[in-house]
PDB file of N, CA and C in Angstrom:
ATOM      1  N   UNK A   1    -229.047  90.546-101.147  1.00  0.00           N
ATOM      2  CA  UNK A   1    -227.821  89.962-101.779  1.00  0.00           C
ATOM      3  C   UNK A   1    -227.983  90.026-103.264  1.00  0.00           C
ATOM      4  N   UNK A   2    -227.051  90.611-103.801  1.00  0.00           N
ATOM      5  CA  UNK A   2    -226.946  90.558-105.392  1.00  0.00           C
ATOM      6  C   UNK A   2    -225.749  89.716-105.918  1.00  0.00           C
ATOM      7  N   UNK A   3    -226.079  88.872-107.076  1.00  0.00           N
ATOM      8  CA  UNK A   3    -225.216  88.087-107.403  1.00  0.00           C
ATOM      9  C   UNK A   3    -225.226  88.214-109.075  1.00  0.00           C
ATOM     10  N   UNK A   4    -224.036  88.034-109.744  1.00  0.00           N
ATOM     11  CA  UNK A   4    -223.983  88.424-111.215  1.00  0.00           C
ATOM     12  C   UNK A   4    -223.264  87.158-111.733  1.00  0.00           C
ATOM     13  N   UNK A   5    -223.667  86.558-113.042  1.00  0.00           N
ATOM     14  CA  UNK A   5    -222.954  85.452-113.506  1.00  0.00           C
ATOM     15  C   UNK A   5    -223.299  85.483-115.022  1.00  0.00           C
ATOM     16  N   UNK A   6    -222.756  84.478-115.671  1.00  0.00           N
ATOM     17  CA  UNK A   6    -222.930  84.145-117.070  1.00  0.00           C
ATOM     18  C   UNK A   6    -223.356  82.748-117.041  1.00  0.00           C
ATOM     19  N   UNK A   7    -224.424  82.455-117.818  1.00  0.00           N
ATOM     20  CA  UNK A   7    -224.959  80.950-117.793  1.00  0.00           C
ATOM     21  C   UNK A   7    -225.330  80.581-119.146  1.00  0.00           C
ATOM     22  N   UNK A   8    -225.209  79.380-119.567  1.00  0.00           N
ATOM     23  CA  UNK A   8    -225.789  78.838-120.891  1.00  0.00           C
ATOM     24  C   UNK A   8    -227.114  78.954-120.908  1.00  0.00           C
ATOM     25  N   UNK A   9    -228.026  79.144-121.872  1.00  0.00           N
ATOM     26  CA  UNK A   9    -229.386  78.975-122.175  1.00  0.00           C
ATOM     27  C   UNK A   9    -229.871  77.716-122.559  1.00  0.00           C
ATOM     28  N   UNK A  10    -230.592  77.035-121.667  1.00  0.00           N
ATOM     29  CA  UNK A  10    -230.875  75.659-122.318  1.00  0.00           C
ATOM     30  C   UNK A  10    -232.507  75.416-122.099  1.00  0.00           C
ATOM     31  N   UNK A  11    -232.944  74.405-122.847  1.00  0.00           N
ATOM     32  CA  UNK A  11    -234.369  74.215-123.000  1.00  0.00           C
ATOM     33  C   UNK A  11    -234.749  72.887-122.065  1.00  0.00           C
ATOM     34  N   UNK A  12    -235.783  73.133-121.562  1.00  0.00           N
ATOM     35  CA  UNK A  12    -236.330  71.864-120.829  1.00  0.00           C
ATOM     36  C   UNK A  12    -237.806  71.654-121.464  1.00  0.00           C
ATOM     37  N   UNK A  13    -237.879  70.453-121.945  1.00  0.00           N
ATOM     38  CA  UNK A  13    -239.165  70.116-122.551  1.00  0.00           C
ATOM     39  C   UNK A  13    -239.956  69.513-121.613  1.00  0.00           C
ATOM     40  N   UNK A  14    -241.142  70.313-120.865  1.00  0.00           N
ATOM     41  CA  UNK A  14    -241.838  69.675-119.874  1.00  0.00           C
ATOM     42  C   UNK A  14    -242.808  68.743-120.679  1.00  0.00           C
ATOM     43  N   UNK A  15    -243.468  69.168-121.807  1.00  0.00           N
ATOM     44  CA  UNK A  15    -244.398  68.307-122.472  1.00  0.00           C
ATOM     45  C   UNK A  15    -244.042  68.582-123.974  1.00  0.00           C
ATOM     46  N   UNK A  16    -244.772  67.566-124.913  1.00  0.00           N
ATOM     47  CA  UNK A  16    -244.491  67.673-126.089  1.00  0.00           C
ATOM     48  C   UNK A  16    -244.972  69.138-126.837  1.00  0.00           C
ATOM     49  N   UNK A  17    -245.898  69.648-126.244  1.00  0.00           N
ATOM     50  CA  UNK A  17    -246.535  70.944-126.831  1.00  0.00           C
ATOM     51  C   UNK A  17    -245.984  72.172-126.231  1.00  0.00           C
ATOM     52  N   UNK A  18    -244.956  72.048-125.337  1.00  0.00           N
ATOM     53  CA  UNK A  18    -244.279  73.231-124.655  1.00  0.00           C
ATOM     54  C   UNK A  18    -242.923  73.070-124.240  1.00  0.00           C
ATOM     55  N   UNK A  19    -242.105  74.114-124.199  1.00  0.00           N
ATOM     56  CA  UNK A  19    -240.855  74.236-123.837  1.00  0.00           C
ATOM     57  C   UNK A  19    -240.449  75.372-122.897  1.00  0.00           C
ATOM     58  N   UNK A  20    -239.869  74.947-121.931  1.00  0.00           N
ATOM     59  CA  UNK A  20    -239.195  76.391-121.006  1.00  0.00           C
ATOM     60  C   UNK A  20    -237.735  76.296-121.237  1.00  0.00           C
ATOM     61  N   UNK A  21    -237.339  77.649-121.101  1.00  0.00           N
ATOM     62  CA  UNK A  21    -235.952  77.926-121.129  1.00  0.00           C
ATOM     63  C   UNK A  21    -235.468  78.439-119.778  1.00  0.00           C
ATOM     64  N   UNK A  22    -234.226  78.037-119.624  1.00  0.00           N
ATOM     65  CA  UNK A  22    -233.696  78.510-118.244  1.00  0.00           C
ATOM     66  C   UNK A  22    -232.082  78.742-118.473  1.00  0.00           C
ATOM     67  N   UNK A  23    -231.543  79.451-117.328  1.00  0.00           N
ATOM     68  CA  UNK A  23    -230.170  79.334-117.259  1.00  0.00           C
ATOM     69  C   UNK A  23    -229.797  78.928-115.805  1.00  0.00           C
ATOM     70  N   UNK A  24    -228.631  78.480-115.454  1.00  0.00           N
ATOM     71  CA  UNK A  24    -228.511  77.879-114.315  1.00  0.00           C
ATOM     72  C   UNK A  24    -227.505  78.806-113.375  1.00  0.00           C
ATOM     73  N   UNK A  25    -227.921  79.069-112.061  1.00  0.00           N
ATOM     74  CA  UNK A  25    -227.059  79.826-111.173  1.00  0.00           C
ATOM     75  C   UNK A  25    -225.723  78.869-111.010  1.00  0.00           C
ATOM     76  N   UNK A  26    -224.720  79.387-111.138  1.00  0.00           N
ATOM     77  CA  UNK A  26    -223.425  78.490-110.652  1.00  0.00           C
ATOM     78  C   UNK A  26    -223.439  77.968-109.339  1.00  0.00           C
ATOM     79  N   UNK A  27    -222.941  76.707-109.072  1.00  0.00           N
ATOM     80  CA  UNK A  27    -222.997  76.131-107.882  1.00  0.00           C
ATOM     81  C   UNK A  27    -222.626  76.980-106.569  1.00  0.00           C
ATOM     82  N   UNK A  28    -221.547  77.685-106.824  1.00  0.00           N
ATOM     83  CA  UNK A  28    -221.155  78.445-105.422  1.00  0.00           C
ATOM     84  C   UNK A  28    -222.055  79.502-105.127  1.00  0.00           C
ATOM     85  N   UNK A  29    -222.561  80.121-106.129  1.00  0.00           N
ATOM     86  CA  UNK A  29    -223.502  81.192-105.985  1.00  0.00           C
ATOM     87  C   UNK A  29    -225.019  80.569-105.509  1.00  0.00           C
ATOM     88  N   UNK A  30    -225.237  79.416-105.775  1.00  0.00           N
ATOM     89  CA  UNK A  30    -226.399  78.616-105.523  1.00  0.00           C
ATOM     90  C   UNK A  30    -226.265  78.275-103.975  1.00  0.00           C
ATOM     91  N   UNK A  31    -225.127  77.905-103.743  1.00  0.00           N
ATOM     92  CA  UNK A  31    -224.726  77.544-102.293  1.00  0.00           C
ATOM     93  C   UNK A  31    -224.951  78.693-101.308  1.00  0.00           C
ATOM     94  N   UNK A  32    -224.550  79.906-101.878  1.00  0.00           N
ATOM     95  CA  UNK A  32    -224.633  81.124-101.085  1.00  0.00           C
ATOM     96  C   UNK A  32    -226.053  81.599-100.779  1.00  0.00           C
ATOM     97  N   UNK A  33    -226.883  81.448-102.010  1.00  0.00           N
ATOM     98  CA  UNK A  33    -228.453  81.811-101.823  1.00  0.00           C
ATOM     99  C   UNK A  33    -229.001  80.928-100.864  1.00  0.00           C
ATOM    100  N   UNK A  34    -228.849  79.543-100.994  1.00  0.00           N
ATOM    101  CA  UNK A  34    -229.385  78.428-100.128  1.00  0.00           C
ATOM    102  C   UNK A  34    -229.118  78.869 -98.739  1.00  0.00           C
ATOM    103  N   UNK A  35    -227.975  79.541 -98.242  1.00  0.00           N
ATOM    104  CA  UNK A  35    -227.742  79.899 -96.843  1.00  0.00           C
ATOM    105  C   UNK A  35    -228.527  80.763 -96.280  1.00  0.00           C
ATOM    106  N   UNK A  36    -229.145  81.751 -97.067  1.00  0.00           N
ATOM    107  CA  UNK A  36    -229.800  82.696 -96.663  1.00  0.00           C
ATOM    108  C   UNK A  36    -231.041  82.597 -95.934  1.00  0.00           C
ATOM    109  N   UNK A  37    -231.288  82.787 -94.842  1.00  0.00           N
ATOM    110  CA  UNK A  37    -232.413  82.554 -93.840  1.00  0.00           C
ATOM    111  C   UNK A  37    -233.786  83.232 -94.531  1.00  0.00           C
ATOM    112  N   UNK A  38    -234.847  82.422 -94.936  1.00  0.00           N
ATOM    113  CA  UNK A  38    -235.896  82.937 -95.535  1.00  0.00           C
ATOM    114  C   UNK A  38    -237.192  81.938 -95.282  1.00  0.00           C
ATOM    115  N   UNK A  39    -238.180  82.591 -95.466  1.00  0.00           N
ATOM    116  CA  UNK A  39    -239.445  81.765 -95.324  1.00  0.00           C
ATOM    117  C   UNK A  39    -239.434  80.659 -96.457  1.00  0.00           C
ATOM    118  N   UNK A  40    -240.083  79.551 -96.034  1.00  0.00           N
ATOM    119  CA  UNK A  40    -240.285  78.371 -96.948  1.00  0.00           C
ATOM    120  C   UNK A  40    -241.499  78.826 -97.946  1.00  0.00           C
ATOM    121  N   UNK A  41    -240.966  78.582 -99.476  1.00  0.00           N
ATOM    122  CA  UNK A  41    -241.951  78.844-100.542  1.00  0.00           C
ATOM    123  C   UNK A  41    -242.093  77.413-101.228  1.00  0.00           C
ATOM    124  N   UNK A  42    -243.174  77.639-101.990  1.00  0.00           N
ATOM    125  CA  UNK A  42    -243.438  76.290-102.761  1.00  0.00           C
ATOM    126  C   UNK A  42    -242.449  75.899-103.596  1.00  0.00           C
ATOM    127  N   UNK A  43    -242.023  74.699-103.798  1.00  0.00           N
ATOM    128  CA  UNK A  43    -241.144  74.045-104.673  1.00  0.00           C
ATOM    129  C   UNK A  43    -239.647  74.731-104.297  1.00  0.00           C
ATOM    130  N   UNK A  44    -239.492  75.252-102.960  1.00  0.00           N
ATOM    131  CA  UNK A  44    -238.108  75.605-102.676  1.00  0.00           C
ATOM    132  C   UNK A  44    -237.847  76.809-103.501  1.00  0.00           C
ATOM    133  N   UNK A  45    -238.688  77.666-104.091  1.00  0.00           N
ATOM    134  CA  UNK A  45    -238.250  78.701-104.866  1.00  0.00           C
ATOM    135  C   UNK A  45    -237.788  80.035-103.922  1.00  0.00           C
ATOM    136  N   UNK A  46    -237.178  80.808-104.690  1.00  0.00           N
ATOM    137  CA  UNK A  46    -236.460  82.037-104.010  1.00  0.00           C
ATOM    138  C   UNK A  46    -236.875  83.197-104.873  1.00  0.00           C
ATOM    139  N   UNK A  47    -237.523  84.094-104.373  1.00  0.00           N
ATOM    140  CA  UNK A  47    -237.963  85.393-105.067  1.00  0.00           C
ATOM    141  C   UNK A  47    -236.882  86.199-105.439  1.00  0.00           C
ATOM    142  N   UNK A  48    -236.756  86.855-106.561  1.00  0.00           N
ATOM    143  CA  UNK A  48    -235.602  87.625-107.184  1.00  0.00           C
ATOM    144  C   UNK A  48    -236.035  88.622-108.173  1.00  0.00           C
ATOM    145  N   UNK A  49    -235.348  89.607-108.218  1.00  0.00           N
ATOM    146  CA  UNK A  49    -235.404  90.703-109.232  1.00  0.00           C
ATOM    147  C   UNK A  49    -234.238  90.296-110.251  1.00  0.00           C
ATOM    148  N   UNK A  50    -234.542  90.000-111.501  1.00  0.00           N
ATOM    149  CA  UNK A  50    -233.600  89.552-112.390  1.00  0.00           C
ATOM    150  C   UNK A  50    -233.372  90.481-113.482  1.00  0.00           C
ATOM    151  N   UNK A  51    -232.192  90.605-113.836  1.00  0.00           N
ATOM    152  CA  UNK A  51    -231.783  91.524-115.181  1.00  0.00           C
ATOM    153  C   UNK A  51    -230.824  90.901-116.148  1.00  0.00           C
ATOM    154  N   UNK A  52    -231.313  90.911-117.461  1.00  0.00           N
ATOM    155  CA  UNK A  52    -230.479  90.407-118.580  1.00  0.00           C
ATOM    156  C   UNK A  52    -230.515  91.632-119.504  1.00  0.00           C
ATOM    157  N   UNK A  53    -229.290  92.073-119.720  1.00  0.00           N
ATOM    158  CA  UNK A  53    -229.187  93.345-120.539  1.00  0.00           C
ATOM    159  C   UNK A  53    -229.883  94.365-120.065  1.00  0.00           C
ATOM    160  N   UNK A  54    -230.839  94.858-120.770  1.00  0.00           N
ATOM    161  CA  UNK A  54    -231.729  95.977-120.404  1.00  0.00           C
ATOM    162  C   UNK A  54    -233.105  95.610-119.869  1.00  0.00           C
ATOM    163  N   UNK A  55    -233.354  94.314-119.771  1.00  0.00           N
ATOM    164  CA  UNK A  55    -234.567  93.760-119.193  1.00  0.00           C
ATOM    165  C   UNK A  55    -234.584  93.416-117.788  1.00  0.00           C
ATOM    166  N   UNK A  56    -235.476  93.898-117.121  1.00  0.00           N
ATOM    167  CA  UNK A  56    -235.537  93.640-115.510  1.00  0.00           C
ATOM    168  C   UNK A  56    -236.871  93.073-115.289  1.00  0.00           C
ATOM    169  N   UNK A  57    -237.015  92.130-114.623  1.00  0.00           N
ATOM    170  CA  UNK A  57    -238.236  91.543-114.176  1.00  0.00           C
ATOM    171  C   UNK A  57    -238.204  90.815-112.808  1.00  0.00           C
ATOM    172  N   UNK A  58    -239.432  90.776-112.330  1.00  0.00           N
ATOM    173  CA  UNK A  58    -239.536  89.990-110.859  1.00  0.00           C
ATOM    174  C   UNK A  58    -239.884  88.584-111.207  1.00  0.00           C
ATOM    175  N   UNK A  59    -239.330  87.497-110.761  1.00  0.00           N
ATOM    176  CA  UNK A  59    -239.557  86.093-110.940  1.00  0.00           C
ATOM    177  C   UNK A  59    -239.075  85.412-109.544  1.00  0.00           C
ATOM    178  N   UNK A  60    -238.881  84.099-109.809  1.00  0.00           N
ATOM    179  CA  UNK A  60    -238.380  83.223-108.767  1.00  0.00           C
ATOM    180  C   UNK A  60    -237.476  82.476-109.484  1.00  0.00           C
ATOM    181  N   UNK A  61    -236.303  81.920-108.735  1.00  0.00           N
ATOM    182  CA  UNK A  61    -235.525  80.907-109.157  1.00  0.00           C
ATOM    183  C   UNK A  61    -235.783  79.475-108.481  1.00  0.00           C
ATOM    184  N   UNK A  62    -235.642  78.549-108.925  1.00  0.00           N
ATOM    185  CA  UNK A  62    -236.102  77.157-108.391  1.00  0.00           C
ATOM    186  C   UNK A  62    -234.997  76.137-108.388  1.00  0.00           C
ATOM    187  N   UNK A  63    -234.829  75.329-107.209  1.00  0.00           N
ATOM    188  CA  UNK A  63    -233.683  74.323-107.197  1.00  0.00           C
ATOM    189  C   UNK A  63    -233.818  73.184-108.101  1.00  0.00           C
ATOM    190  N   UNK A  64    -232.785  72.976-108.675  1.00  0.00           N
ATOM    191  CA  UNK A  64    -232.909  71.791-109.926  1.00  0.00           C
ATOM    192  C   UNK A  64    -232.195  70.481-109.123  1.00  0.00           C
ATOM    193  N   UNK A  65    -232.357  69.604-109.838  1.00  0.00           N
ATOM    194  CA  UNK A  65    -231.764  68.214-109.231  1.00  0.00           C
ATOM    195  C   UNK A  65    -230.399  68.243-109.099  1.00  0.00           C
ATOM    196  N   UNK A  66    -229.542  68.888-109.622  1.00  0.00           N
ATOM    197  CA  UNK A  66    -228.244  68.808-109.258  1.00  0.00           C
ATOM    198  C   UNK A  66    -227.865  69.962-108.177  1.00  0.00           C
ATOM    199  N   UNK A  67    -228.736  70.466-107.671  1.00  0.00           N
ATOM    200  CA  UNK A  67    -228.285  71.403-106.471  1.00  0.00           C
ATOM    201  C   UNK A  67    -228.204  72.849-106.786  1.00  0.00           C
ATOM    202  N   UNK A  68    -228.129  73.176-108.020  1.00  0.00           N
ATOM    203  CA  UNK A  68    -228.225  74.633-108.432  1.00  0.00           C
ATOM    204  C   UNK A  68    -229.701  75.154-108.514  1.00  0.00           C
ATOM    205  N   UNK A  69    -229.500  76.466-108.456  1.00  0.00           N
ATOM    206  CA  UNK A  69    -230.901  77.073-108.862  1.00  0.00           C
ATOM    207  C   UNK A  69    -231.039  77.512-110.409  1.00  0.00           C
ATOM    208  N   UNK A  70    -232.118  77.296-110.853  1.00  0.00           N
ATOM    209  CA  UNK A  70    -232.371  77.798-112.305  1.00  0.00           C
ATOM    210  C   UNK A  70    -233.418  78.964-112.441  1.00  0.00           C
ATOM    211  N   UNK A  71    -232.865  79.713-113.345  1.00  0.00           N
ATOM    212  CA  UNK A  71    -233.720  80.897-113.774  1.00  0.00           C
ATOM    213  C   UNK A  71    -234.554  80.829-114.863  1.00  0.00           C
ATOM    214  N   UNK A  72    -235.887  80.838-114.889  1.00  0.00           N
ATOM    215  CA  UNK A  72    -236.760  80.708-116.014  1.00  0.00           C
ATOM    216  C   UNK A  72    -236.442  82.242-116.832  1.00  0.00           C
ATOM    217  N   UNK A  73    -236.440  81.787-118.207  1.00  0.00           N
ATOM    218  CA  UNK A  73    -236.215  82.942-118.950  1.00  0.00           C
ATOM    219  C   UNK A  73    -237.454  82.924-119.989  1.00  0.00           C
ATOM    220  N   UNK A  74    -238.541  83.812-119.649  1.00  0.00           N
ATOM    221  CA  UNK A  74    -239.730  83.811-120.443  1.00  0.00           C
ATOM    222  C   UNK A  74    -239.369  84.345-121.695  1.00  0.00           C
ATOM    223  N   UNK A  75    -240.460  84.055-122.567  1.00  0.00           N
ATOM    224  CA  UNK A  75    -240.184  84.427-124.017  1.00  0.00           C
ATOM    225  C   UNK A  75    -240.106  85.951-124.479  1.00  0.00           C
ATOM    226  N   UNK A  76    -240.762  86.734-123.704  1.00  0.00           N
ATOM    227  CA  UNK A  76    -240.448  88.221-123.724  1.00  0.00           C
ATOM    228  C   UNK A  76    -239.051  88.639-123.603  1.00  0.00           C
ATOM    229  N   UNK A  77    -238.437  88.127-122.491  1.00  0.00           N
ATOM    230  CA  UNK A  77    -237.093  88.380-122.169  1.00  0.00           C
ATOM    231  C   UNK A  77    -236.210  87.764-123.181  1.00  0.00           C
ATOM    232  N   UNK A  78    -236.292  86.618-123.643  1.00  0.00           N
ATOM    233  CA  UNK A  78    -235.511  85.669-124.729  1.00  0.00           C
ATOM    234  C   UNK A  78    -235.598  86.811-125.959  1.00  0.00           C
ATOM    235  N   UNK A  79    -236.747  87.188-126.366  1.00  0.00           N
ATOM    236  CA  UNK A  79    -236.944  87.908-127.605  1.00  0.00           C
ATOM    237  C   UNK A  79    -236.117  89.404-127.457  1.00  0.00           C
ATOM    238  N   UNK A  80    -236.558  90.149-126.292  1.00  0.00           N
ATOM    239  CA  UNK A  80    -235.805  91.517-126.163  1.00  0.00           C
ATOM    240  C   UNK A  80    -234.477  91.310-126.208  1.00  0.00           C
ATOM    241  N   UNK A  81    -233.688  90.441-125.411  1.00  0.00           N
ATOM    242  CA  UNK A  81    -232.412  90.394-125.346  1.00  0.00           C
ATOM    243  C   UNK A  81    -231.732  89.357-126.112  1.00  0.00           C
ATOM    244  N   UNK A  82    -232.448  88.844-127.319  1.00  0.00           N
ATOM    245  CA  UNK A  82    -231.933  87.990-128.313  1.00  0.00           C
ATOM    246  C   UNK A  82    -231.213  86.741-127.890  1.00  0.00           C
ATOM    247  N   UNK A  83    -231.769  86.097-126.757  1.00  0.00           N
ATOM    248  CA  UNK A  83    -231.225  84.922-126.209  1.00  0.00           C
ATOM    249  C   UNK A  83    -231.806  83.714-126.941  1.00  0.00           C
ATOM    250  N   UNK A  84    -230.860  82.803-127.122  1.00  0.00           N
ATOM    251  CA  UNK A  84    -231.220  81.566-127.884  1.00  0.00           C
ATOM    252  C   UNK A  84    -230.533  80.339-127.147  1.00  0.00           C
ATOM    253  N   UNK A  85    -231.444  79.229-127.506  1.00  0.00           N
ATOM    254  CA  UNK A  85    -230.851  78.100-126.947  1.00  0.00           C
ATOM    255  C   UNK A  85    -229.365  77.736-127.255  1.00  0.00           C
ATOM    256  N   UNK A  86    -228.526  77.449-126.030  1.00  0.00           N
ATOM    257  CA  UNK A  86    -227.001  77.153-126.478  1.00  0.00           C
ATOM    258  C   UNK A  86    -226.350  78.430-126.234  1.00  0.00           C
ATOM    259  N   UNK A  87    -227.055  79.754-126.389  1.00  0.00           N
ATOM    260  CA  UNK A  87    -226.311  81.022-126.044  1.00  0.00           C
ATOM    261  C   UNK A  87    -226.062  81.254-124.768  1.00  0.00           C
ATOM    262  N   UNK A  88    -225.564  82.446-124.484  1.00  0.00           N
ATOM    263  CA  UNK A  88    -225.140  82.961-123.065  1.00  0.00           C
ATOM    264  C   UNK A  88    -225.982  84.071-122.506  1.00  0.00           C
ATOM    265  N   UNK A  89    -226.423  83.982-121.380  1.00  0.00           N
ATOM    266  CA  UNK A  89    -227.141  85.079-120.671  1.00  0.00           C
ATOM    267  C   UNK A  89    -226.188  85.621-119.604  1.00  0.00           C
ATOM    268  N   UNK A  90    -226.045  86.841-119.595  1.00  0.00           N
ATOM    269  CA  UNK A  90    -225.341  87.672-118.552  1.00  0.00           C
ATOM    270  C   UNK A  90    -226.409  88.215-117.672  1.00  0.00           C
ATOM    271  N   UNK A  91    -226.478  87.487-116.519  1.00  0.00           N
ATOM    272  CA  UNK A  91    -227.463  87.716-115.453  1.00  0.00           C
ATOM    273  C   UNK A  91    -227.025  88.571-114.125  1.00  0.00           C
ATOM    274  N   UNK A  92    -227.949  89.273-113.668  1.00  0.00           N
ATOM    275  CA  UNK A  92    -227.851  90.119-112.291  1.00  0.00           C
ATOM    276  C   UNK A  92    -229.313  89.662-111.493  1.00  0.00           C
ATOM    277  N   UNK A  93    -228.912  88.972-110.324  1.00  0.00           N
ATOM    278  CA  UNK A  93    -230.104  88.682-109.668  1.00  0.00           C
ATOM    279  C   UNK A  93    -229.872  89.394-108.208  1.00  0.00           C
ATOM    280  N   UNK A  94    -231.113  89.932-107.909  1.00  0.00           N
ATOM    281  CA  UNK A  94    -231.181  90.533-106.487  1.00  0.00           C
ATOM    282  C   UNK A  94    -232.144  89.544-105.934  1.00  0.00           C
ATOM    283  N   UNK A  95    -231.457  89.065-104.642  1.00  0.00           N
ATOM    284  CA  UNK A  95    -232.223  88.156-103.881  1.00  0.00           C
ATOM    285  C   UNK A  95    -233.280  88.784-103.091  1.00  0.00           C
ATOM    286  N   UNK A  96    -234.719  88.698-103.380  1.00  0.00           N
ATOM    287  CA  UNK A  96    -235.537  89.453-102.535  1.00  0.00           C
ATOM    288  C   UNK A  96    -236.073  88.846-101.087  1.00  0.00           C
ATOM    289  N   UNK A  97    -236.049  87.397-101.154  1.00  0.00           N
ATOM    290  CA  UNK A  97    -236.380  86.731 -99.899  1.00  0.00           C
ATOM    291  C   UNK A  97    -235.129  86.907 -99.069  1.00  0.00           C
ATOM    292  N   UNK A  98    -235.315  87.104 -97.744  1.00  0.00           N
ATOM    293  CA  UNK A  98    -234.181  86.992 -96.780  1.00  0.00           C
ATOM    294  C   UNK A  98    -234.127  87.993 -96.028  1.00  0.00           C
TER     295      UNK A  98
END
């Protein structure tokens, strides 16, 4: 399954000394991904191949408290694609589990 979407880049402060950046998979796409039969993984994660701009990487998406999945945006990706908090990420996800 391949999905494409635009999402806001947001920060989650896990601890005072670190911050993580994510974008959320829209609810309707999260619902479709959730329906794919797959083996259970830690934290409900789903393995994906993500692309933002010309940067592609293997990672996982994780369920959030509102029922959507979130895609972590590591620093190398944010730097390469000039993503900033409050900006927009144009994302292509290929779901590898399932």
